Amino acid sequence: MSARRNVTFSQICEYFHVEMETVTAFAEIGLIPAIPFEGERSIEPEGLDSLVKILELHRTLGINKEGIEVILELRRRVTTLQEENEDLKNVISGLKFYESLQGHEVLARRGLLIEVDLP
């Protein structure tokens, strides 16, 4: 199994045909996590997916770094809201199930659920 290596900014610039100033600017505002590696700034391999999305927004749509920052923050917020929405759906499902047990008492004994009919 081979170890995954960090990718230096100069490698990023060469591979993606982007200026060093652009990558540095993305790092300075926190769009990509820059870490020191072999005497140069770099990103971990896991950060490449984010970098590709950032470069796509920058190149194809012409969005500046501040606009990209806003878009990424909005994406994070939407994801959080979707997760919260899913949690609420699960709670509602649980409440609907509990409501369907009207007229019955559910007891937990030793980790087992026992349904008892009440007169």
PDB file of N, CA and C in Angstrom:
ATOM      1  N   MET A   1       0.852  -1.179   0.000  1.00  0.00           N
ATOM      2  CA  MET A   1       0.000   0.000   0.000  1.00  0.00           C
ATOM      3  C   MET A   1       0.892   1.235   0.000  1.00  0.00           C
ATOM      4  N   SER A   2       0.703   2.127  -0.953  1.00  0.00           N
ATOM      5  CA  SER A   2       1.554   3.304  -1.044  1.00  0.00           C
ATOM      6  C   SER A   2       0.969   4.452  -0.231  1.00  0.00           C
ATOM      7  N   ALA A   3       1.869   5.230   0.374  1.00  0.00           N
ATOM      8  CA  ALA A   3       1.443   6.381   1.158  1.00  0.00           C
ATOM      9  C   ALA A   3       1.083   7.522   0.220  1.00  0.00           C
ATOM     10  N   ARG A   4       0.054   8.248   0.599  1.00  0.00           N
ATOM     11  CA  ARG A   4      -0.345   9.396  -0.222  1.00  0.00           C
ATOM     12  C   ARG A   4       0.466  10.600   0.217  1.00  0.00           C
ATOM     13  N   ARG A   5       1.008  11.306  -0.742  1.00  0.00           N
ATOM     14  CA  ARG A   5       1.876  12.444  -0.458  1.00  0.00           C
ATOM     15  C   ARG A   5       1.130  13.752  -0.626  1.00  0.00           C
ATOM     16  N   ASN A   6       1.593  14.733   0.126  1.00  0.00           N
ATOM     17  CA  ASN A   6       1.060  16.073  -0.047  1.00  0.00           C
ATOM     18  C   ASN A   6       1.415  16.585  -1.432  1.00  0.00           C
ATOM     19  N   VAL A   7       0.611  17.520  -1.919  1.00  0.00           N
ATOM     20  CA  VAL A   7       0.830  18.097  -3.238  1.00  0.00           C
ATOM     21  C   VAL A   7       1.258  19.544  -3.047  1.00  0.00           C
ATOM     22  N   THR A   8       2.440  19.891  -3.567  1.00  0.00           N
ATOM     23  CA  THR A   8       2.967  21.240  -3.390  1.00  0.00           C
ATOM     24  C   THR A   8       2.239  22.221  -4.309  1.00  0.00           C
ATOM     25  N   PHE A   9       2.294  23.488  -3.911  1.00  0.00           N
ATOM     26  CA  PHE A   9       1.656  24.531  -4.723  1.00  0.00           C
ATOM     27  C   PHE A   9       2.251  24.566  -6.128  1.00  0.00           C
ATOM     28  N   SER A  10       3.554  24.358  -6.247  1.00  0.00           N
ATOM     29  CA  SER A  10       4.161  24.389  -7.580  1.00  0.00           C
ATOM     30  C   SER A  10       3.650  23.226  -8.434  1.00  0.00           C
ATOM     31  N   GLN A  11       3.421  22.052  -7.825  1.00  0.00           N
ATOM     32  CA  GLN A  11       2.837  20.934  -8.565  1.00  0.00           C
ATOM     33  C   GLN A  11       1.409  21.254  -8.999  1.00  0.00           C
ATOM     34  N   ILE A  12       0.666  21.894  -8.115  1.00  0.00           N
ATOM     35  CA  ILE A  12      -0.710  22.294  -8.433  1.00  0.00           C
ATOM     36  C   ILE A  12      -0.707  23.249  -9.623  1.00  0.00           C
ATOM     37  N   CYS A  13       0.171  24.253  -9.566  1.00  0.00           N
ATOM     38  CA  CYS A  13       0.247  25.248 -10.642  1.00  0.00           C
ATOM     39  C   CYS A  13       0.596  24.601 -11.976  1.00  0.00           C
ATOM     40  N   GLU A  14       1.533  23.687 -11.943  1.00  0.00           N
ATOM     41  CA  GLU A  14       1.951  23.014 -13.171  1.00  0.00           C
ATOM     42  C   GLU A  14       0.832  22.125 -13.721  1.00  0.00           C
ATOM     43  N   TYR A  15       0.218  21.338 -12.873  1.00  0.00           N
ATOM     44  CA  TYR A  15      -0.802  20.384 -13.320  1.00  0.00           C
ATOM     45  C   TYR A  15      -2.072  21.083 -13.807  1.00  0.00           C
ATOM     46  N   PHE A  16      -2.525  22.087 -13.047  1.00  0.00           N
ATOM     47  CA  PHE A  16      -3.791  22.758 -13.375  1.00  0.00           C
ATOM     48  C   PHE A  16      -3.601  24.000 -14.244  1.00  0.00           C
ATOM     49  N   HIS A  17      -2.361  24.338 -14.570  1.00  0.00           N
ATOM     50  CA  HIS A  17      -2.062  25.530 -15.384  1.00  0.00           C
ATOM     51  C   HIS A  17      -2.677  26.775 -14.766  1.00  0.00           C
ATOM     52  N   VAL A  18      -2.303  27.010 -13.519  1.00  0.00           N
ATOM     53  CA  VAL A  18      -2.806  28.158 -12.775  1.00  0.00           C
ATOM     54  C   VAL A  18      -1.619  28.894 -12.151  1.00  0.00           C
ATOM     55  N   GLU A  19      -1.766  30.184 -11.977  1.00  0.00           N
ATOM     56  CA  GLU A  19      -0.693  31.005 -11.418  1.00  0.00           C
ATOM     57  C   GLU A  19      -0.531  30.747  -9.920  1.00  0.00           C
ATOM     58  N   MET A  20       0.702  30.851  -9.444  1.00  0.00           N
ATOM     59  CA  MET A  20       1.006  30.667  -8.022  1.00  0.00           C
ATOM     60  C   MET A  20       0.225  31.679  -7.168  1.00  0.00           C
ATOM     61  N   GLU A  21       0.064  32.897  -7.680  1.00  0.00           N
ATOM     62  CA  GLU A  21      -0.662  33.927  -6.929  1.00  0.00           C
ATOM     63  C   GLU A  21      -2.114  33.516  -6.683  1.00  0.00           C
ATOM     64  N   THR A  22      -2.695  32.828  -7.649  1.00  0.00           N
ATOM     65  CA  THR A  22      -4.081  32.383  -7.510  1.00  0.00           C
ATOM     66  C   THR A  22      -4.205  31.338  -6.416  1.00  0.00           C
ATOM     67  N   VAL A  23      -3.333  30.340  -6.447  1.00  0.00           N
ATOM     68  CA  VAL A  23      -3.367  29.276  -5.435  1.00  0.00           C
ATOM     69  C   VAL A  23      -3.064  29.867  -4.055  1.00  0.00           C
ATOM     70  N   THR A  24      -2.096  30.751  -3.987  1.00  0.00           N
ATOM     71  CA  THR A  24      -1.739  31.394  -2.725  1.00  0.00           C
ATOM     72  C   THR A  24      -2.912  32.206  -2.181  1.00  0.00           C
ATOM     73  N   ALA A  25      -3.594  32.923  -3.068  1.00  0.00           N
ATOM     74  CA  ALA A  25      -4.748  33.719  -2.636  1.00  0.00           C
ATOM     75  C   ALA A  25      -5.847  32.814  -2.087  1.00  0.00           C
ATOM     76  N   PHE A  26      -6.098  31.688  -2.730  1.00  0.00           N
ATOM     77  CA  PHE A  26      -7.097  30.738  -2.233  1.00  0.00           C
ATOM     78  C   PHE A  26      -6.720  30.248  -0.837  1.00  0.00           C
ATOM     79  N   ALA A  27      -5.436  29.997  -0.632  1.00  0.00           N
ATOM     80  CA  ALA A  27      -4.971  29.516   0.675  1.00  0.00           C
ATOM     81  C   ALA A  27      -5.074  30.612   1.737  1.00  0.00           C
ATOM     82  N   GLU A  28      -4.742  31.840   1.354  1.00  0.00           N
ATOM     83  CA  GLU A  28      -4.744  32.941   2.324  1.00  0.00           C
ATOM     84  C   GLU A  28      -6.127  33.240   2.885  1.00  0.00           C
ATOM     85  N   ILE A  29      -7.167  33.020   2.086  1.00  0.00           N
ATOM     86  CA  ILE A  29      -8.514  33.272   2.609  1.00  0.00           C
ATOM     87  C   ILE A  29      -9.164  31.994   3.129  1.00  0.00           C
ATOM     88  N   GLY A  30      -8.388  30.907   3.158  1.00  0.00           N
ATOM     89  CA  GLY A  30      -8.855  29.681   3.777  1.00  0.00           C
ATOM     90  C   GLY A  30      -9.666  28.753   2.897  1.00  0.00           C
ATOM     91  N   LEU A  31      -9.658  28.975   1.591  1.00  0.00           N
ATOM     92  CA  LEU A  31     -10.400  28.096   0.691  1.00  0.00           C
ATOM     93  C   LEU A  31      -9.734  26.737   0.549  1.00  0.00           C
ATOM     94  N   ILE A  32      -8.411  26.722   0.624  1.00  0.00           N
ATOM     95  CA  ILE A  32      -7.689  25.446   0.626  1.00  0.00           C
ATOM     96  C   ILE A  32      -6.740  25.464   1.826  1.00  0.00           C
ATOM     97  N   PRO A  33      -6.628  24.339   2.519  1.00  0.00           N
ATOM     98  CA  PRO A  33      -5.769  24.288   3.709  1.00  0.00           C
ATOM     99  C   PRO A  33      -4.300  24.115   3.326  1.00  0.00           C
ATOM    100  N   ALA A  34      -3.513  25.150   3.526  1.00  0.00           N
ATOM    101  CA  ALA A  34      -2.085  25.106   3.190  1.00  0.00           C
ATOM    102  C   ALA A  34      -1.283  24.617   4.391  1.00  0.00           C
ATOM    103  N   ILE A  35      -0.377  23.688   4.136  1.00  0.00           N
ATOM    104  CA  ILE A  35       0.518  23.184   5.174  1.00  0.00           C
ATOM    105  C   ILE A  35       1.929  23.149   4.608  1.00  0.00           C
ATOM    106  N   PRO A  36       2.941  23.315   5.464  1.00  0.00           N
ATOM    107  CA  PRO A  36       4.321  23.225   4.967  1.00  0.00           C
ATOM    108  C   PRO A  36       4.686  21.778   4.636  1.00  0.00           C
ATOM    109  N   PHE A  37       5.397  21.608   3.528  1.00  0.00           N
ATOM    110  CA  PHE A  37       5.824  20.272   3.098  1.00  0.00           C
ATOM    111  C   PHE A  37       7.042  20.427   2.208  1.00  0.00           C
ATOM    112  N   GLU A  38       8.123  19.782   2.602  1.00  0.00           N
ATOM    113  CA  GLU A  38       9.373  19.822   1.844  1.00  0.00           C
ATOM    114  C   GLU A  38       9.784  21.253   1.491  1.00  0.00           C
ATOM    115  N   GLY A  39       9.656  22.153   2.463  1.00  0.00           N
ATOM    116  CA  GLY A  39      10.084  23.535   2.286  1.00  0.00           C
ATOM    117  C   GLY A  39       9.170  24.388   1.434  1.00  0.00           C
ATOM    118  N   GLU A  40       8.019  23.877   1.112  1.00  0.00           N
ATOM    119  CA  GLU A  40       7.078  24.630   0.272  1.00  0.00           C
ATOM    120  C   GLU A  40       5.672  24.452   0.839  1.00  0.00           C
ATOM    121  N   ARG A  41       4.803  25.371   0.490  1.00  0.00           N
ATOM    122  CA  ARG A  41       3.412  25.224   0.896  1.00  0.00           C
ATOM    123  C   ARG A  41       2.767  24.131   0.049  1.00  0.00           C
ATOM    124  N   SER A  42       1.864  23.386   0.675  1.00  0.00           N
ATOM    125  CA  SER A  42       1.227  22.280  -0.025  1.00  0.00           C
ATOM    126  C   SER A  42      -0.157  22.042   0.558  1.00  0.00           C
ATOM    127  N   ILE A  43      -0.881  21.107  -0.063  1.00  0.00           N
ATOM    128  CA  ILE A  43      -2.151  20.655   0.490  1.00  0.00           C
ATOM    129  C   ILE A  43      -2.110  19.130   0.553  1.00  0.00           C
ATOM    130  N   GLU A  44      -2.930  18.588   1.448  1.00  0.00           N
ATOM    131  CA  GLU A  44      -3.016  17.138   1.547  1.00  0.00           C
ATOM    132  C   GLU A  44      -3.846  16.624   0.375  1.00  0.00           C
ATOM    133  N   PRO A  45      -3.632  15.382  -0.042  1.00  0.00           N
ATOM    134  CA  PRO A  45      -4.364  14.828  -1.190  1.00  0.00           C
ATOM    135  C   PRO A  45      -5.884  14.948  -1.049  1.00  0.00           C
ATOM    136  N   GLU A  46      -6.400  14.845   0.195  1.00  0.00           N
ATOM    137  CA  GLU A  46      -7.839  14.947   0.410  1.00  0.00           C
ATOM    138  C   GLU A  46      -8.382  16.323   0.014  1.00  0.00           C
ATOM    139  N   GLY A  47      -7.535  17.336   0.006  1.00  0.00           N
ATOM    140  CA  GLY A  47      -7.960  18.686  -0.342  1.00  0.00           C
ATOM    141  C   GLY A  47      -8.055  18.936  -1.833  1.00  0.00           C
ATOM    142  N   LEU A  48      -7.608  17.981  -2.646  1.00  0.00           N
ATOM    143  CA  LEU A  48      -7.617  18.172  -4.102  1.00  0.00           C
ATOM    144  C   LEU A  48      -9.029  18.274  -4.661  1.00  0.00           C
ATOM    145  N   ASP A  49      -9.987  17.527  -4.095  1.00  0.00           N
ATOM    146  CA  ASP A  49     -11.368  17.617  -4.576  1.00  0.00           C
ATOM    147  C   ASP A  49     -11.906  19.034  -4.413  1.00  0.00           C
ATOM    148  N   SER A  50     -11.634  19.631  -3.255  1.00  0.00           N
ATOM    149  CA  SER A  50     -12.071  21.015  -3.019  1.00  0.00           C
ATOM    150  C   SER A  50     -11.382  21.963  -3.989  1.00  0.00           C
ATOM    151  N   LEU A  51     -10.100  21.744  -4.199  1.00  0.00           N
ATOM    152  CA  LEU A  51      -9.356  22.606  -5.114  1.00  0.00           C
ATOM    153  C   LEU A  51      -9.929  22.534  -6.519  1.00  0.00           C
ATOM    154  N   VAL A  52     -10.260  21.339  -6.976  1.00  0.00           N
ATOM    155  CA  VAL A  52     -10.832  21.179  -8.315  1.00  0.00           C
ATOM    156  C   VAL A  52     -12.148  21.952  -8.421  1.00  0.00           C
ATOM    157  N   LYS A  53     -13.008  21.872  -7.411  1.00  0.00           N
ATOM    158  CA  LYS A  53     -14.275  22.610  -7.415  1.00  0.00           C
ATOM    159  C   LYS A  53     -14.035  24.111  -7.435  1.00  0.00           C
ATOM    160  N   ILE A  54     -13.060  24.559  -6.655  1.00  0.00           N
ATOM    161  CA  ILE A  54     -12.730  25.983  -6.591  1.00  0.00           C
ATOM    162  C   ILE A  54     -12.230  26.474  -7.942  1.00  0.00           C
ATOM    163  N   LEU A  55     -11.309  25.722  -8.545  1.00  0.00           N
ATOM    164  CA  LEU A  55     -10.773  26.128  -9.848  1.00  0.00           C
ATOM    165  C   LEU A  55     -11.850  26.115 -10.927  1.00  0.00           C
ATOM    166  N   GLU A  56     -12.769  25.169 -10.832  1.00  0.00           N
ATOM    167  CA  GLU A  56     -13.867  25.103 -11.798  1.00  0.00           C
ATOM    168  C   GLU A  56     -14.750  26.351 -11.688  1.00  0.00           C
ATOM    169  N   LEU A  57     -15.089  26.743 -10.467  1.00  0.00           N
ATOM    170  CA  LEU A  57     -15.884  27.959 -10.270  1.00  0.00           C
ATOM    171  C   LEU A  57     -15.129  29.183 -10.783  1.00  0.00           C
ATOM    172  N   HIS A  58     -13.842  29.215 -10.508  1.00  0.00           N
ATOM    173  CA  HIS A  58     -13.014  30.355 -10.894  1.00  0.00           C
ATOM    174  C   HIS A  58     -12.847  30.449 -12.410  1.00  0.00           C
ATOM    175  N   ARG A  59     -12.575  29.324 -13.042  1.00  0.00           N
ATOM    176  CA  ARG A  59     -12.298  29.328 -14.483  1.00  0.00           C
ATOM    177  C   ARG A  59     -13.565  29.369 -15.336  1.00  0.00           C
ATOM    178  N   THR A  60     -14.457  28.439 -15.115  1.00  0.00           N
ATOM    179  CA  THR A  60     -15.600  28.315 -16.024  1.00  0.00           C
ATOM    180  C   THR A  60     -16.651  29.389 -15.798  1.00  0.00           C
ATOM    181  N   LEU A  61     -16.817  29.801 -14.548  1.00  0.00           N
ATOM    182  CA  LEU A  61     -17.844  30.803 -14.265  1.00  0.00           C
ATOM    183  C   LEU A  61     -17.263  32.192 -14.025  1.00  0.00           C
ATOM    184  N   GLY A  62     -15.941  32.282 -13.948  1.00  0.00           N
ATOM    185  CA  GLY A  62     -15.298  33.577 -13.755  1.00  0.00           C
ATOM    186  C   GLY A  62     -15.550  34.181 -12.383  1.00  0.00           C
ATOM    187  N   ILE A  63     -15.800  33.350 -11.395  1.00  0.00           N
ATOM    188  CA  ILE A  63     -16.100  33.847 -10.054  1.00  0.00           C
ATOM    189  C   ILE A  63     -14.784  34.133  -9.331  1.00  0.00           C
ATOM    190  N   ASN A  64     -14.728  35.315  -8.681  1.00  0.00           N
ATOM    191  CA  ASN A  64     -13.510  35.677  -7.957  1.00  0.00           C
ATOM    192  C   ASN A  64     -13.432  34.933  -6.632  1.00  0.00           C
ATOM    193  N   LYS A  65     -12.289  35.053  -5.954  1.00  0.00           N
ATOM    194  CA  LYS A  65     -12.063  34.268  -4.741  1.00  0.00           C
ATOM    195  C   LYS A  65     -13.058  34.602  -3.635  1.00  0.00           C
ATOM    196  N   GLU A  66     -13.484  35.852  -3.539  1.00  0.00           N
ATOM    197  CA  GLU A  66     -14.462  36.218  -2.518  1.00  0.00           C
ATOM    198  C   GLU A  66     -15.816  35.576  -2.817  1.00  0.00           C
ATOM    199  N   GLY A  67     -16.193  35.546  -4.097  1.00  0.00           N
ATOM    200  CA  GLY A  67     -17.448  34.911  -4.498  1.00  0.00           C
ATOM    201  C   GLY A  67     -17.419  33.417  -4.251  1.00  0.00           C
ATOM    202  N   ILE A  68     -16.268  32.807  -4.510  1.00  0.00           N
ATOM    203  CA  ILE A  68     -16.113  31.372  -4.258  1.00  0.00           C
ATOM    204  C   ILE A  68     -16.280  31.085  -2.777  1.00  0.00           C
ATOM    205  N   GLU A  69     -15.711  31.949  -1.947  1.00  0.00           N
ATOM    206  CA  GLU A  69     -15.824  31.790  -0.500  1.00  0.00           C
ATOM    207  C   GLU A  69     -17.290  31.804  -0.072  1.00  0.00           C
ATOM    208  N   VAL A  70     -18.072  32.719  -0.625  1.00  0.00           N
ATOM    209  CA  VAL A  70     -19.498  32.803  -0.308  1.00  0.00           C
ATOM    210  C   VAL A  70     -20.229  31.549  -0.780  1.00  0.00           C
ATOM    211  N   ILE A  71     -19.942  31.113  -1.989  1.00  0.00           N
ATOM    212  CA  ILE A  71     -20.602  29.916  -2.544  1.00  0.00           C
ATOM    213  C   ILE A  71     -20.305  28.690  -1.684  1.00  0.00           C
ATOM    214  N   LEU A  72     -19.052  28.510  -1.288  1.00  0.00           N
ATOM    215  CA  LEU A  72     -18.683  27.348  -0.478  1.00  0.00           C
ATOM    216  C   LEU A  72     -19.346  27.394   0.901  1.00  0.00           C
ATOM    217  N   GLU A  73     -19.442  28.599   1.478  1.00  0.00           N
ATOM    218  CA  GLU A  73     -20.125  28.733   2.769  1.00  0.00           C
ATOM    219  C   GLU A  73     -21.606  28.403   2.630  1.00  0.00           C
ATOM    220  N   LEU A  74     -22.228  28.862   1.559  1.00  0.00           N
ATOM    221  CA  LEU A  74     -23.644  28.542   1.330  1.00  0.00           C
ATOM    222  C   LEU A  74     -23.843  27.050   1.123  1.00  0.00           C
ATOM    223  N   ARG A  75     -22.925  26.403   0.422  1.00  0.00           N
ATOM    224  CA  ARG A  75     -22.996  24.942   0.244  1.00  0.00           C
ATOM    225  C   ARG A  75     -22.922  24.231   1.589  1.00  0.00           C
ATOM    226  N   ARG A  76     -22.007  24.704   2.461  1.00  0.00           N
ATOM    227  CA  ARG A  76     -21.890  24.102   3.798  1.00  0.00           C
ATOM    228  C   ARG A  76     -23.187  24.269   4.584  1.00  0.00           C
ATOM    229  N   ARG A  77     -23.778  25.451   4.486  1.00  0.00           N
ATOM    230  CA  ARG A  77     -25.035  25.708   5.209  1.00  0.00           C
ATOM    231  C   ARG A  77     -26.165  24.835   4.683  1.00  0.00           C
ATOM    232  N   VAL A  78     -26.255  24.685   3.369  1.00  0.00           N
ATOM    233  CA  VAL A  78     -27.295  23.839   2.778  1.00  0.00           C
ATOM    234  C   VAL A  78     -27.122  22.399   3.247  1.00  0.00           C
ATOM    235  N   THR A  79     -25.891  21.914   3.255  1.00  0.00           N
ATOM    236  CA  THR A  79     -25.623  20.547   3.719  1.00  0.00           C
ATOM    237  C   THR A  79     -26.055  20.382   5.173  1.00  0.00           C
ATOM    238  N   THR A  80     -25.730  21.353   6.012  1.00  0.00           N
ATOM    239  CA  THR A  80     -26.129  21.301   7.417  1.00  0.00           C
ATOM    240  C   THR A  80     -27.647  21.288   7.550  1.00  0.00           C
ATOM    241  N   LEU A  81     -28.321  22.136   6.791  1.00  0.00           N
ATOM    242  CA  LEU A  81     -29.783  22.171   6.845  1.00  0.00           C
ATOM    243  C   LEU A  81     -30.401  20.858   6.358  1.00  0.00           C
ATOM    244  N   GLN A  82     -29.812  20.262   5.332  1.00  0.00           N
ATOM    245  CA  GLN A  82     -30.311  18.974   4.841  1.00  0.00           C
ATOM    246  C   GLN A  82     -30.160  17.890   5.913  1.00  0.00           C
ATOM    247  N   GLU A  83     -29.034  17.899   6.619  1.00  0.00           N
ATOM    248  CA  GLU A  83     -28.826  16.922   7.691  1.00  0.00           C
ATOM    249  C   GLU A  83     -29.822  17.142   8.827  1.00  0.00           C
ATOM    250  N   GLU A  84     -30.050  18.409   9.196  1.00  0.00           N
ATOM    251  CA  GLU A  84     -31.020  18.713  10.246  1.00  0.00           C
ATOM    252  C   GLU A  84     -32.425  18.314   9.813  1.00  0.00           C
ATOM    253  N   ASN A  85     -32.746  18.534   8.561  1.00  0.00           N
ATOM    254  CA  ASN A  85     -34.055  18.158   8.026  1.00  0.00           C
ATOM    255  C   ASN A  85     -34.256  16.642   8.107  1.00  0.00           C
ATOM    256  N   GLU A  86     -33.218  15.886   7.769  1.00  0.00           N
ATOM    257  CA  GLU A  86     -33.290  14.425   7.840  1.00  0.00           C
ATOM    258  C   GLU A  86     -33.495  13.969   9.281  1.00  0.00           C
ATOM    259  N   ASP A  87     -32.791  14.611  10.218  1.00  0.00           N
ATOM    260  CA  ASP A  87     -32.975  14.288  11.639  1.00  0.00           C
ATOM    261  C   ASP A  87     -34.418  14.548  12.075  1.00  0.00           C
ATOM    262  N   LEU A  88     -34.969  15.668  11.653  1.00  0.00           N
ATOM    263  CA  LEU A  88     -36.359  15.998  12.008  1.00  0.00           C
ATOM    264  C   LEU A  88     -37.339  15.000  11.404  1.00  0.00           C
ATOM    265  N   LYS A  89     -37.084  14.557  10.184  1.00  0.00           N
ATOM    266  CA  LYS A  89     -37.935  13.536   9.565  1.00  0.00           C
ATOM    267  C   LYS A  89     -37.927  12.254  10.391  1.00  0.00           C
ATOM    268  N   ASN A  90     -36.752  11.882  10.893  1.00  0.00           N
ATOM    269  CA  ASN A  90     -36.642  10.681  11.720  1.00  0.00           C
ATOM    270  C   ASN A  90     -37.417  10.838  13.022  1.00  0.00           C
ATOM    271  N   VAL A  91     -37.351  12.012  13.625  1.00  0.00           N
ATOM    272  CA  VAL A  91     -38.100  12.268  14.856  1.00  0.00           C
ATOM    273  C   VAL A  91     -39.596  12.177  14.585  1.00  0.00           C
ATOM    274  N   ILE A  92     -40.035  12.763  13.489  1.00  0.00           N
ATOM    275  CA  ILE A  92     -41.464  12.727  13.134  1.00  0.00           C
ATOM    276  C   ILE A  92     -41.911  11.293  12.891  1.00  0.00           C
ATOM    277  N   SER A  93     -41.089  10.503  12.203  1.00  0.00           N
ATOM    278  CA  SER A  93     -41.428   9.094  11.984  1.00  0.00           C
ATOM    279  C   SER A  93     -41.584   8.363  13.308  1.00  0.00           C
ATOM    280  N   GLY A  94     -40.686   8.643  14.241  1.00  0.00           N
ATOM    281  CA  GLY A  94     -40.775   8.028  15.563  1.00  0.00           C
ATOM    282  C   GLY A  94     -42.045   8.430  16.295  1.00  0.00           C
ATOM    283  N   LEU A  95     -42.415   9.698  16.177  1.00  0.00           N
ATOM    284  CA  LEU A  95     -43.642  10.171  16.821  1.00  0.00           C
ATOM    285  C   LEU A  95     -44.877   9.545  16.185  1.00  0.00           C
ATOM    286  N   LYS A  96     -44.860   9.390  14.878  1.00  0.00           N
ATOM    287  CA  LYS A  96     -45.988   8.751  14.193  1.00  0.00           C
ATOM    288  C   LYS A  96     -46.117   7.294  14.623  1.00  0.00           C
ATOM    289  N   PHE A  97     -44.979   6.615  14.782  1.00  0.00           N
ATOM    290  CA  PHE A  97     -45.008   5.232  15.242  1.00  0.00           C
ATOM    291  C   PHE A  97     -45.579   5.168  16.656  1.00  0.00           C
ATOM    292  N   TYR A  98     -45.122   6.042  17.520  1.00  0.00           N
ATOM    293  CA  TYR A  98     -45.614   6.069  18.898  1.00  0.00           C
ATOM    294  C   TYR A  98     -47.116   6.337  18.921  1.00  0.00           C
ATOM    295  N   GLU A  99     -47.561   7.259  18.070  1.00  0.00           N
ATOM    296  CA  GLU A  99     -48.985   7.581  17.987  1.00  0.00           C
ATOM    297  C   GLU A  99     -49.793   6.368  17.520  1.00  0.00           C
ATOM    298  N   SER A 100     -49.206   5.553  16.651  1.00  0.00           N
ATOM    299  CA  SER A 100     -49.916   4.377  16.141  1.00  0.00           C
ATOM    300  C   SER A 100     -50.104   3.311  17.221  1.00  0.00           C
ATOM    301  N   LEU A 101     -49.397   3.426  18.333  1.00  0.00           N
ATOM    302  CA  LEU A 101     -49.508   2.461  19.422  1.00  0.00           C
ATOM    303  C   LEU A 101     -50.610   2.830  20.424  1.00  0.00           C
ATOM    304  N   GLN A 102     -51.422   3.816  20.102  1.00  0.00           N
ATOM    305  CA  GLN A 102     -52.493   4.213  21.020  1.00  0.00           C
ATOM    306  C   GLN A 102     -53.339   2.998  21.386  1.00  0.00           C
ATOM    307  N   GLY A 103     -53.680   2.902  22.674  1.00  0.00           N
ATOM    308  CA  GLY A 103     -54.438   1.771  23.141  1.00  0.00           C
ATOM    309  C   GLY A 103     -53.559   0.619  23.562  1.00  0.00           C
ATOM    310  N   HIS A 104     -52.250   0.718  23.362  1.00  0.00           N
ATOM    311  CA  HIS A 104     -51.297  -0.324  23.749  1.00  0.00           C
ATOM    312  C   HIS A 104     -50.231   0.312  24.620  1.00  0.00           C
ATOM    313  N   GLU A 105     -49.687  -0.481  25.493  1.00  0.00           N
ATOM    314  CA  GLU A 105     -48.566  -0.014  26.305  1.00  0.00           C
ATOM    315  C   GLU A 105     -47.353  -0.845  25.905  1.00  0.00           C
ATOM    316  N   VAL A 106     -46.275  -0.165  25.614  1.00  0.00           N
ATOM    317  CA  VAL A 106     -45.057  -0.868  25.228  1.00  0.00           C
ATOM    318  C   VAL A 106     -44.087  -0.788  26.395  1.00  0.00           C
ATOM    319  N   LEU A 107     -43.672  -1.954  26.870  1.00  0.00           N
ATOM    320  CA  LEU A 107     -42.750  -2.020  28.002  1.00  0.00           C
ATOM    321  C   LEU A 107     -41.408  -2.569  27.535  1.00  0.00           C
ATOM    322  N   ALA A 108     -40.357  -2.055  28.115  1.00  0.00           N
ATOM    323  CA  ALA A 108     -39.021  -2.578  27.801  1.00  0.00           C
ATOM    324  C   ALA A 108     -38.536  -3.400  28.984  1.00  0.00           C
ATOM    325  N   ARG A 109     -38.258  -4.680  28.756  1.00  0.00           N
ATOM    326  CA  ARG A 109     -37.722  -5.535  29.803  1.00  0.00           C
ATOM    327  C   ARG A 109     -36.507  -6.256  29.253  1.00  0.00           C
ATOM    328  N   ARG A 110     -35.403  -6.034  29.922  1.00  0.00           N
ATOM    329  CA  ARG A 110     -34.157  -6.689  29.520  1.00  0.00           C
ATOM    330  C   ARG A 110     -33.863  -6.481  28.041  1.00  0.00           C
ATOM    331  N   GLY A 111     -34.102  -5.279  27.552  1.00  0.00           N
ATOM    332  CA  GLY A 111     -33.795  -4.959  26.165  1.00  0.00           C
ATOM    333  C   GLY A 111     -34.804  -5.452  25.168  1.00  0.00           C
ATOM    334  N   LEU A 112     -35.898  -6.088  25.646  1.00  0.00           N
ATOM    335  CA  LEU A 112     -36.928  -6.573  24.729  1.00  0.00           C
ATOM    336  C   LEU A 112     -38.161  -5.713  24.856  1.00  0.00           C
ATOM    337  N   LEU A 113     -38.809  -5.462  23.748  1.00  0.00           N
ATOM    338  CA  LEU A 113     -40.063  -4.732  23.778  1.00  0.00           C
ATOM    339  C   LEU A 113     -41.200  -5.728  23.860  1.00  0.00           C
ATOM    340  N   ILE A 114     -42.105  -5.510  24.805  1.00  0.00           N
ATOM    341  CA  ILE A 114     -43.248  -6.398  24.991  1.00  0.00           C
ATOM    342  C   ILE A 114     -44.509  -5.557  24.848  1.00  0.00           C
ATOM    343  N   GLU A 115     -45.371  -5.959  23.961  1.00  0.00           N
ATOM    344  CA  GLU A 115     -46.613  -5.227  23.739  1.00  0.00           C
ATOM    345  C   GLU A 115     -47.704  -5.833  24.616  1.00  0.00           C
ATOM    346  N   VAL A 116     -48.428  -4.986  25.351  1.00  0.00           N
ATOM    347  CA  VAL A 116     -49.471  -5.436  26.242  1.00  0.00           C
ATOM    348  C   VAL A 116     -50.767  -4.757  25.865  1.00  0.00           C
ATOM    349  N   ASP A 117     -51.835  -5.530  25.600  1.00  0.00           N
ATOM    350  CA  ASP A 117     -53.153  -4.975  25.316  1.00  0.00           C
ATOM    351  C   ASP A 117     -53.798  -4.537  26.615  1.00  0.00           C
ATOM    352  N   LEU A 118     -54.315  -3.334  26.652  1.00  0.00           N
ATOM    353  CA  LEU A 118     -55.018  -2.831  27.821  1.00  0.00           C
ATOM    354  C   LEU A 118     -56.518  -2.893  27.560  1.00  0.00           C
ATOM    355  N   PRO A 119     -57.314  -3.190  28.617  1.00  0.00           N
ATOM    356  CA  PRO A 119     -58.773  -3.243  28.428  1.00  0.00           C
ATOM    357  C   PRO A 119     -59.376  -1.883  28.194  1.00  0.00           C
TER     358      PRO A 119
END
